[in-house]
Amino acid sequence: MKKYIVIGLLIVALLVVAYLTFVIAAIKIVIGSIFLVIFALAILALWIMWKVKTD
């Protein structure tokens, strides 16, 4: 009986660690995507300003 409790606790701990890893990775992907969009908009604005000044 004690063996099953230990195995159950290990499985629960594994699921918690896997869930937290997934959540942290998802948050990092979202933050990275937001920064990527901001960077792309900044490059687009810089390119537009450069085109307007050279024409």
C-alpha atoms as a PDB file:
ATOM      1  CA  MET A   1       0.000   0.000   0.000  1.00  0.00           C
ATOM      2  CA  LYS A   2       2.812   2.410   0.896  1.00  0.00           C
ATOM      3  CA  LYS A   3       4.492   1.702  -2.444  1.00  0.00           C
ATOM      4  CA  TYR A   4       1.379   2.860  -4.325  1.00  0.00           C
ATOM      5  CA  ILE A   5       1.215   6.105  -2.326  1.00  0.00           C
ATOM      6  CA  VAL A   6       4.848   6.908  -3.148  1.00  0.00           C
ATOM      7  CA  ILE A   7       4.316   6.112  -6.841  1.00  0.00           C
ATOM      8  CA  GLY A   8       1.170   8.249  -6.854  1.00  0.00           C
ATOM      9  CA  LEU A   9       2.983  11.174  -5.270  1.00  0.00           C
ATOM     10  CA  LEU A  10       5.812  10.895  -7.792  1.00  0.00           C
ATOM     11  CA  ILE A  11       3.339  10.885 -10.680  1.00  0.00           C
ATOM     12  CA  VAL A  12       1.539  13.920  -9.252  1.00  0.00           C
ATOM     13  CA  ALA A  13       4.873  15.729  -8.810  1.00  0.00           C
ATOM     14  CA  LEU A  14       5.837  14.845 -12.381  1.00  0.00           C
ATOM     15  CA  LEU A  15       2.538  16.205 -13.707  1.00  0.00           C
ATOM     16  CA  VAL A  16       2.935  19.437 -11.716  1.00  0.00           C
ATOM     17  CA  VAL A  17       6.484  19.970 -12.995  1.00  0.00           C
ATOM     18  CA  ALA A  18       5.423  19.224 -16.586  1.00  0.00           C
ATOM     19  CA  TYR A  19       2.447  21.610 -16.307  1.00  0.00           C
ATOM     20  CA  LEU A  20       4.548  24.418 -14.836  1.00  0.00           C
ATOM     21  CA  THR A  21       7.215  23.904 -17.495  1.00  0.00           C
ATOM     22  CA  PHE A  22       4.570  24.152 -20.216  1.00  0.00           C
ATOM     23  CA  VAL A  23       3.017  27.286 -18.688  1.00  0.00           C
ATOM     24  CA  ILE A  24       6.388  29.027 -18.279  1.00  0.00           C
ATOM     25  CA  ALA A  25       7.359  28.121 -21.855  1.00  0.00           C
ATOM     26  CA  ALA A  26       4.017  29.402 -23.175  1.00  0.00           C
ATOM     27  CA  ILE A  27       4.467  32.697 -21.309  1.00  0.00           C
ATOM     28  CA  LYS A  28       7.991  33.086 -22.714  1.00  0.00           C
ATOM     29  CA  ILE A  29       6.727  32.398 -26.247  1.00  0.00           C
ATOM     30  CA  VAL A  30       3.992  35.030 -25.878  1.00  0.00           C
ATOM     31  CA  ILE A  31       6.413  37.639 -24.508  1.00  0.00           C
ATOM     32  CA  GLY A  32       8.916  36.839 -27.259  1.00  0.00           C
ATOM     33  CA  SER A  33       6.227  37.190 -29.917  1.00  0.00           C
ATOM     34  CA  ILE A  34       5.182  40.577 -28.540  1.00  0.00           C
ATOM     35  CA  PHE A  35       8.785  41.825 -28.607  1.00  0.00           C
ATOM     36  CA  LEU A  36       9.184  40.458 -32.141  1.00  0.00           C
ATOM     37  CA  VAL A  37       6.126  42.419 -33.327  1.00  0.00           C
ATOM     38  CA  ILE A  38       7.390  45.597 -31.630  1.00  0.00           C
ATOM     39  CA  PHE A  39      10.795  45.129 -33.271  1.00  0.00           C
ATOM     40  CA  ALA A  40       9.198  44.564 -36.697  1.00  0.00           C
ATOM     41  CA  LEU A  41       7.075  47.718 -36.314  1.00  0.00           C
ATOM     42  CA  ALA A  42      10.152  49.732 -35.330  1.00  0.00           C
ATOM     43  CA  ILE A  43      12.041  48.492 -38.399  1.00  0.00           C
ATOM     44  CA  LEU A  44       9.030  49.283 -40.598  1.00  0.00           C
ATOM     45  CA  ALA A  45       8.815  52.821 -39.172  1.00  0.00           C
ATOM     46  CA  LEU A  46      12.551  53.311 -39.700  1.00  0.00           C
ATOM     47  CA  TRP A  47      12.284  52.106 -43.303  1.00  0.00           C
ATOM     48  CA  ILE A  48       9.311  54.405 -43.998  1.00  0.00           C
ATOM     49  CA  MET A  49      11.159  57.401 -42.533  1.00  0.00           C
ATOM     50  CA  TRP A  50      14.210  56.546 -44.636  1.00  0.00           C
ATOM     51  CA  LYS A  51      12.107  56.252 -47.805  1.00  0.00           C
ATOM     52  CA  VAL A  52      10.347  59.566 -47.174  1.00  0.00           C
ATOM     53  CA  LYS A  53      13.618  61.456 -46.588  1.00  0.00           C
ATOM     54  CA  THR A  54      15.396  60.030 -49.654  1.00  0.00           C
ATOM     55  CA  ASP A  55      12.575  60.631 -52.166  1.00  0.00           C
END
